[in-house]
N, C-alpha and C. Protein backbone atom coordinates (compact mmCIF):
# COMPACT_ATOMS: atom_id res chain seq x y z
N MET A 1 1.46 -67.79 72.22
CA MET A 1 1.65 -67.70 70.80
C MET A 1 2.44 -68.92 70.18
N ALA A 2 3.43 -69.32 70.89
CA ALA A 2 4.27 -70.51 70.45
C ALA A 2 3.49 -71.63 70.44
N LEU A 3 2.64 -71.93 71.47
CA LEU A 3 1.78 -73.08 71.43
C LEU A 3 0.81 -73.16 70.30
N CYS A 4 0.27 -72.00 69.91
CA CYS A 4 -0.71 -71.95 68.78
C CYS A 4 0.01 -72.18 67.55
N THR A 5 1.20 -71.71 67.35
CA THR A 5 1.97 -72.00 66.10
C THR A 5 2.39 -73.41 66.05
N GLN A 6 2.78 -74.00 67.19
CA GLN A 6 3.08 -75.36 67.14
C GLN A 6 1.91 -76.23 66.75
N ILE A 7 0.79 -76.00 67.36
CA ILE A 7 -0.39 -76.78 66.96
C ILE A 7 -0.82 -76.67 65.60
N ILE A 8 -0.77 -75.44 65.04
CA ILE A 8 -1.16 -75.27 63.59
C ILE A 8 -0.12 -76.04 62.68
N LEU A 9 1.14 -75.98 63.03
CA LEU A 9 2.05 -76.69 62.23
C LEU A 9 1.96 -78.17 62.36
N ARG A 10 1.54 -78.74 63.44
CA ARG A 10 1.38 -80.13 63.64
C ARG A 10 0.07 -80.65 62.93
N MET A 11 -0.78 -79.80 62.57
CA MET A 11 -2.05 -80.21 61.88
C MET A 11 -1.64 -80.77 60.54
N ASN A 12 -0.46 -80.50 59.88
CA ASN A 12 -0.07 -81.11 58.69
C ASN A 12 0.07 -82.58 58.79
N GLU A 13 0.21 -83.09 60.01
CA GLU A 13 0.43 -84.54 60.22
C GLU A 13 -0.93 -85.31 60.30
N LEU A 14 -2.02 -84.60 60.28
CA LEU A 14 -3.23 -85.28 60.14
C LEU A 14 -3.78 -85.48 58.79
N PRO A 15 -4.57 -86.49 58.56
CA PRO A 15 -5.10 -86.81 57.09
C PRO A 15 -5.85 -85.56 56.52
N LYS A 16 -5.62 -85.37 55.20
CA LYS A 16 -6.26 -84.32 54.59
C LYS A 16 -7.81 -84.30 54.74
N SER A 17 -8.32 -85.54 54.93
CA SER A 17 -9.83 -85.74 54.99
C SER A 17 -10.28 -85.02 56.23
N GLU A 18 -9.43 -84.66 57.21
CA GLU A 18 -9.84 -83.93 58.49
C GLU A 18 -9.78 -82.36 58.33
N THR A 19 -9.37 -81.89 57.10
CA THR A 19 -9.17 -80.44 56.81
C THR A 19 -10.37 -79.64 57.40
N TYR A 20 -11.57 -80.02 57.07
CA TYR A 20 -12.74 -79.32 57.44
C TYR A 20 -13.41 -79.69 58.75
N GLU A 21 -12.78 -80.70 59.44
CA GLU A 21 -13.42 -81.22 60.70
C GLU A 21 -12.49 -80.81 61.79
N LEU A 22 -11.71 -81.96 62.19
CA LEU A 22 -10.90 -81.78 63.32
C LEU A 22 -9.66 -80.69 63.14
N ILE A 23 -9.10 -80.70 62.07
CA ILE A 23 -8.00 -79.77 61.78
C ILE A 23 -8.57 -78.31 62.00
N SER A 24 -9.61 -78.02 61.25
CA SER A 24 -10.26 -76.68 61.29
C SER A 24 -10.57 -76.34 62.70
N GLN A 25 -11.22 -77.26 63.50
CA GLN A 25 -11.67 -77.00 64.83
C GLN A 25 -10.41 -76.75 65.69
N LEU A 26 -9.40 -77.52 65.63
CA LEU A 26 -8.26 -77.42 66.34
C LEU A 26 -7.52 -76.04 66.18
N LYS A 27 -7.52 -75.75 64.93
CA LYS A 27 -6.81 -74.42 64.56
C LYS A 27 -7.62 -73.18 65.12
N ARG A 28 -8.91 -73.25 65.05
CA ARG A 28 -9.78 -72.15 65.62
C ARG A 28 -9.65 -72.07 67.03
N ALA A 29 -9.69 -73.22 67.66
CA ALA A 29 -9.60 -73.21 69.25
C ALA A 29 -8.21 -72.72 69.61
N ALA A 30 -7.11 -73.18 68.99
CA ALA A 30 -5.75 -72.63 69.33
C ALA A 30 -5.64 -71.13 69.13
N ILE A 31 -6.20 -70.68 68.05
CA ILE A 31 -6.14 -69.28 67.73
C ILE A 31 -6.93 -68.51 68.74
N SER A 32 -8.06 -69.11 69.25
CA SER A 32 -8.99 -68.46 70.19
C SER A 32 -8.16 -68.21 71.53
N ILE A 33 -7.34 -69.06 71.80
CA ILE A 33 -6.54 -68.93 73.17
C ILE A 33 -5.80 -67.70 73.08
N VAL A 34 -5.04 -67.48 71.98
CA VAL A 34 -4.23 -66.18 71.86
C VAL A 34 -5.06 -65.10 71.62
N SER A 35 -6.02 -65.09 70.71
CA SER A 35 -6.87 -63.97 70.42
C SER A 35 -7.62 -63.42 71.59
N ASN A 36 -8.12 -64.24 72.50
CA ASN A 36 -8.91 -63.73 73.66
C ASN A 36 -7.94 -63.05 74.76
N ILE A 37 -6.70 -63.61 74.87
CA ILE A 37 -5.77 -62.91 75.79
C ILE A 37 -5.49 -61.61 75.18
N ALA A 38 -5.25 -61.46 73.80
CA ALA A 38 -4.96 -60.11 73.20
C ALA A 38 -6.15 -59.21 73.31
N GLU A 39 -7.32 -59.70 73.09
CA GLU A 39 -8.53 -58.75 73.15
C GLU A 39 -8.77 -58.26 74.55
N GLY A 40 -8.63 -59.25 75.44
CA GLY A 40 -8.84 -58.90 76.85
C GLY A 40 -7.87 -57.85 77.39
N SER A 41 -6.60 -58.03 77.03
CA SER A 41 -5.64 -57.09 77.50
C SER A 41 -5.83 -55.68 76.97
N GLY A 42 -6.58 -55.54 75.90
CA GLY A 42 -6.81 -54.17 75.43
C GLY A 42 -8.22 -53.57 75.88
N ARG A 43 -8.86 -54.34 76.72
CA ARG A 43 -10.24 -53.87 77.17
C ARG A 43 -10.19 -52.82 78.28
N GLY A 44 -9.11 -52.52 79.00
CA GLY A 44 -8.91 -51.40 79.80
C GLY A 44 -9.42 -51.71 81.18
N SER A 45 -10.12 -52.85 81.60
CA SER A 45 -10.40 -53.10 82.94
C SER A 45 -10.03 -54.57 83.30
N ASP A 46 -9.67 -54.74 84.62
CA ASP A 46 -9.28 -56.06 85.11
C ASP A 46 -10.56 -56.92 84.90
N LYS A 47 -11.67 -56.57 85.15
CA LYS A 47 -12.94 -57.36 85.00
C LYS A 47 -13.10 -57.90 83.57
N ASP A 48 -12.97 -56.96 82.67
CA ASP A 48 -13.16 -57.40 81.21
C ASP A 48 -11.97 -58.45 80.88
N PHE A 49 -10.73 -58.01 81.31
CA PHE A 49 -9.66 -58.95 81.00
C PHE A 49 -9.77 -60.29 81.56
N CYS A 50 -10.25 -60.37 82.75
CA CYS A 50 -10.51 -61.65 83.45
C CYS A 50 -11.51 -62.51 82.70
N ARG A 51 -12.57 -61.87 82.27
CA ARG A 51 -13.63 -62.56 81.41
C ARG A 51 -12.97 -63.16 80.18
N PHE A 52 -12.16 -62.36 79.52
CA PHE A 52 -11.44 -62.91 78.21
C PHE A 52 -10.51 -63.98 78.60
N LEU A 53 -9.83 -63.95 79.75
CA LEU A 53 -8.97 -65.03 80.17
C LEU A 53 -9.66 -66.26 80.43
N HIS A 54 -10.93 -66.21 80.97
CA HIS A 54 -11.83 -67.31 81.12
C HIS A 54 -12.09 -67.98 79.89
N ILE A 55 -12.51 -67.12 78.80
CA ILE A 55 -12.71 -67.61 77.53
C ILE A 55 -11.54 -68.38 76.92
N SER A 56 -10.40 -67.77 77.05
CA SER A 56 -9.23 -68.43 76.66
C SER A 56 -8.88 -69.66 77.30
N LEU A 57 -9.09 -69.81 78.55
CA LEU A 57 -8.93 -70.95 79.39
C LEU A 57 -9.90 -72.14 78.89
N GLY A 58 -11.04 -71.81 78.59
CA GLY A 58 -12.06 -72.62 78.01
C GLY A 58 -11.67 -73.24 76.64
N SER A 59 -11.12 -72.30 75.88
CA SER A 59 -10.55 -72.75 74.52
C SER A 59 -9.33 -73.61 74.63
N SER A 60 -8.64 -73.54 75.72
CA SER A 60 -7.39 -74.38 76.00
C SER A 60 -7.97 -75.84 76.32
N TYR A 61 -8.99 -75.87 77.12
CA TYR A 61 -9.54 -77.21 77.40
C TYR A 61 -10.19 -77.80 76.01
N GLU A 62 -10.77 -77.04 75.26
CA GLU A 62 -11.22 -77.49 73.96
C GLU A 62 -10.10 -78.06 73.13
N VAL A 63 -8.95 -77.35 73.00
CA VAL A 63 -7.79 -77.87 72.37
C VAL A 63 -7.32 -79.13 72.92
N GLU A 64 -7.30 -79.35 74.23
CA GLU A 64 -6.81 -80.43 75.00
C GLU A 64 -7.71 -81.71 74.51
N SER A 65 -8.96 -81.51 74.42
CA SER A 65 -9.88 -82.65 74.28
C SER A 65 -9.59 -83.00 72.74
N GLN A 66 -9.46 -82.09 71.82
CA GLN A 66 -9.27 -82.36 70.47
C GLN A 66 -7.93 -82.93 70.17
N LEU A 67 -6.88 -82.53 70.83
CA LEU A 67 -5.58 -83.27 70.72
C LEU A 67 -5.65 -84.74 71.07
N ILE A 68 -6.34 -84.93 72.16
CA ILE A 68 -6.57 -86.37 72.63
C ILE A 68 -7.34 -87.16 71.59
N ILE A 69 -8.23 -86.63 71.00
CA ILE A 69 -8.96 -87.27 69.86
C ILE A 69 -8.08 -87.56 68.68
N ALA A 70 -7.23 -86.57 68.41
CA ALA A 70 -6.24 -86.64 67.37
C ALA A 70 -5.30 -87.86 67.63
N ASN A 71 -4.91 -87.93 68.81
CA ASN A 71 -4.00 -89.01 69.21
C ASN A 71 -4.67 -90.35 69.17
N ASN A 72 -5.90 -90.39 69.69
CA ASN A 72 -6.57 -91.69 69.80
C ASN A 72 -6.90 -92.27 68.43
N ILE A 73 -7.20 -91.35 67.52
CA ILE A 73 -7.81 -91.87 66.17
C ILE A 73 -6.59 -91.89 65.24
N TYR A 74 -5.73 -91.00 65.21
CA TYR A 74 -4.67 -90.99 64.19
C TYR A 74 -3.30 -91.12 64.76
N GLY A 75 -3.09 -91.25 66.01
CA GLY A 75 -1.83 -91.55 66.53
C GLY A 75 -0.92 -90.35 66.66
N LEU A 76 -1.50 -89.11 66.48
CA LEU A 76 -0.70 -87.93 66.55
C LEU A 76 0.08 -87.83 67.85
N GLU A 77 1.29 -87.60 67.78
CA GLU A 77 2.07 -87.49 69.02
C GLU A 77 1.89 -86.16 69.69
N ILE A 78 1.35 -86.22 70.85
CA ILE A 78 0.93 -84.91 71.49
C ILE A 78 1.67 -84.65 72.88
N ASP A 79 2.44 -85.35 73.24
CA ASP A 79 3.09 -85.23 74.62
C ASP A 79 3.71 -83.88 74.72
N ASP A 80 4.41 -83.45 73.69
CA ASP A 80 5.06 -82.03 73.83
C ASP A 80 4.03 -80.93 73.89
N LEU A 81 2.95 -81.12 73.04
CA LEU A 81 2.01 -80.08 73.00
C LEU A 81 1.10 -80.09 74.23
N MET A 82 0.83 -81.34 74.83
CA MET A 82 0.06 -81.30 76.08
C MET A 82 0.88 -80.71 77.16
N GLY A 83 2.15 -80.98 77.18
CA GLY A 83 3.00 -80.36 78.32
C GLY A 83 3.00 -78.80 78.14
N GLU A 84 3.01 -78.26 77.00
CA GLU A 84 3.09 -76.81 76.89
C GLU A 84 1.53 -76.32 77.16
N LEU A 85 0.58 -77.12 76.68
CA LEU A 85 -0.79 -76.68 76.96
C LEU A 85 -1.15 -76.62 78.50
N VAL A 86 -0.68 -77.71 79.18
CA VAL A 86 -0.91 -77.56 80.67
C VAL A 86 -0.16 -76.33 81.28
N SER A 87 0.97 -76.08 80.79
CA SER A 87 1.70 -74.90 81.33
C SER A 87 0.89 -73.61 81.14
N VAL A 88 0.38 -73.63 79.94
CA VAL A 88 -0.38 -72.39 79.50
C VAL A 88 -1.80 -72.32 80.40
N GLN A 89 -2.38 -73.45 80.59
CA GLN A 89 -3.58 -73.45 81.40
C GLN A 89 -3.24 -73.00 82.84
N LYS A 90 -2.07 -73.51 83.51
CA LYS A 90 -1.67 -73.04 84.79
C LYS A 90 -1.48 -71.59 84.80
N GLN A 91 -0.84 -71.03 83.84
CA GLN A 91 -0.48 -69.63 83.85
C GLN A 91 -1.78 -68.78 83.70
N LEU A 92 -2.68 -69.19 82.90
CA LEU A 92 -3.93 -68.60 82.82
C LEU A 92 -4.72 -68.62 84.12
N GLN A 93 -4.78 -69.78 84.74
CA GLN A 93 -5.45 -69.93 86.11
C GLN A 93 -4.82 -68.99 87.07
N SER A 94 -3.55 -68.91 87.15
CA SER A 94 -2.81 -68.09 88.03
C SER A 94 -3.16 -66.50 87.73
N PHE A 95 -3.11 -66.17 86.51
CA PHE A 95 -3.45 -64.84 86.20
C PHE A 95 -4.79 -64.42 86.44
N ILE A 96 -5.77 -65.36 86.19
CA ILE A 96 -7.20 -65.05 86.59
C ILE A 96 -7.29 -64.93 88.10
N LYS A 97 -6.58 -65.75 88.90
CA LYS A 97 -6.67 -65.58 90.38
C LYS A 97 -6.20 -64.23 90.76
N VAL A 98 -4.98 -63.78 90.21
CA VAL A 98 -4.51 -62.49 90.56
C VAL A 98 -5.44 -61.32 90.18
N LEU A 99 -6.03 -61.38 89.02
CA LEU A 99 -6.90 -60.39 88.55
C LEU A 99 -8.17 -60.31 89.49
N ASN A 100 -8.74 -61.49 89.80
CA ASN A 100 -9.79 -61.59 90.69
C ASN A 100 -9.55 -61.05 91.99
N GLN A 101 -8.31 -61.24 92.61
CA GLN A 101 -7.93 -60.59 93.83
C GLN A 101 -7.93 -59.03 93.77
N ARG A 102 -7.32 -58.47 92.64
CA ARG A 102 -7.35 -57.07 92.48
C ARG A 102 -8.81 -56.49 92.36
N ILE A 103 -9.61 -57.22 91.49
CA ILE A 103 -10.99 -56.84 91.34
C ILE A 103 -11.68 -56.68 92.75
N HIS A 104 -11.52 -57.73 93.53
CA HIS A 104 -12.19 -57.73 94.93
C HIS A 104 -11.63 -56.69 95.80
N GLU A 105 -10.28 -56.47 95.78
CA GLU A 105 -9.68 -55.48 96.54
C GLU A 105 -10.10 -54.00 96.25
N ALA A 106 -10.34 -53.90 94.84
CA ALA A 106 -10.85 -52.53 94.39
C ALA A 106 -12.25 -52.24 94.72
N ALA A 107 -13.03 -53.29 95.02
CA ALA A 107 -14.57 -53.06 95.25
C ALA A 107 -14.79 -52.63 96.62
């Protein structure tokens, strides 16, 4: 949630001409990370939760590539965001691994 908030706030540093392109895409992808974690947690099964965590992880990689583009084109400082993003990605990967183990043990 904190990462998503930071990304949205940092979008104010990009040119207004990117409002409907890069800014919009970055905001949607960042929100998708949080939204899929929330939706998956309410699904009631580890298998469903794991599927939504995979979607969230995919969105995190989308955010990563878009932040790099924003840095390359507009000089947006992203070191702090990338550090937090990598941490979130590692947490998601670890959680997916734990859920997959539980799913296989239950089978």
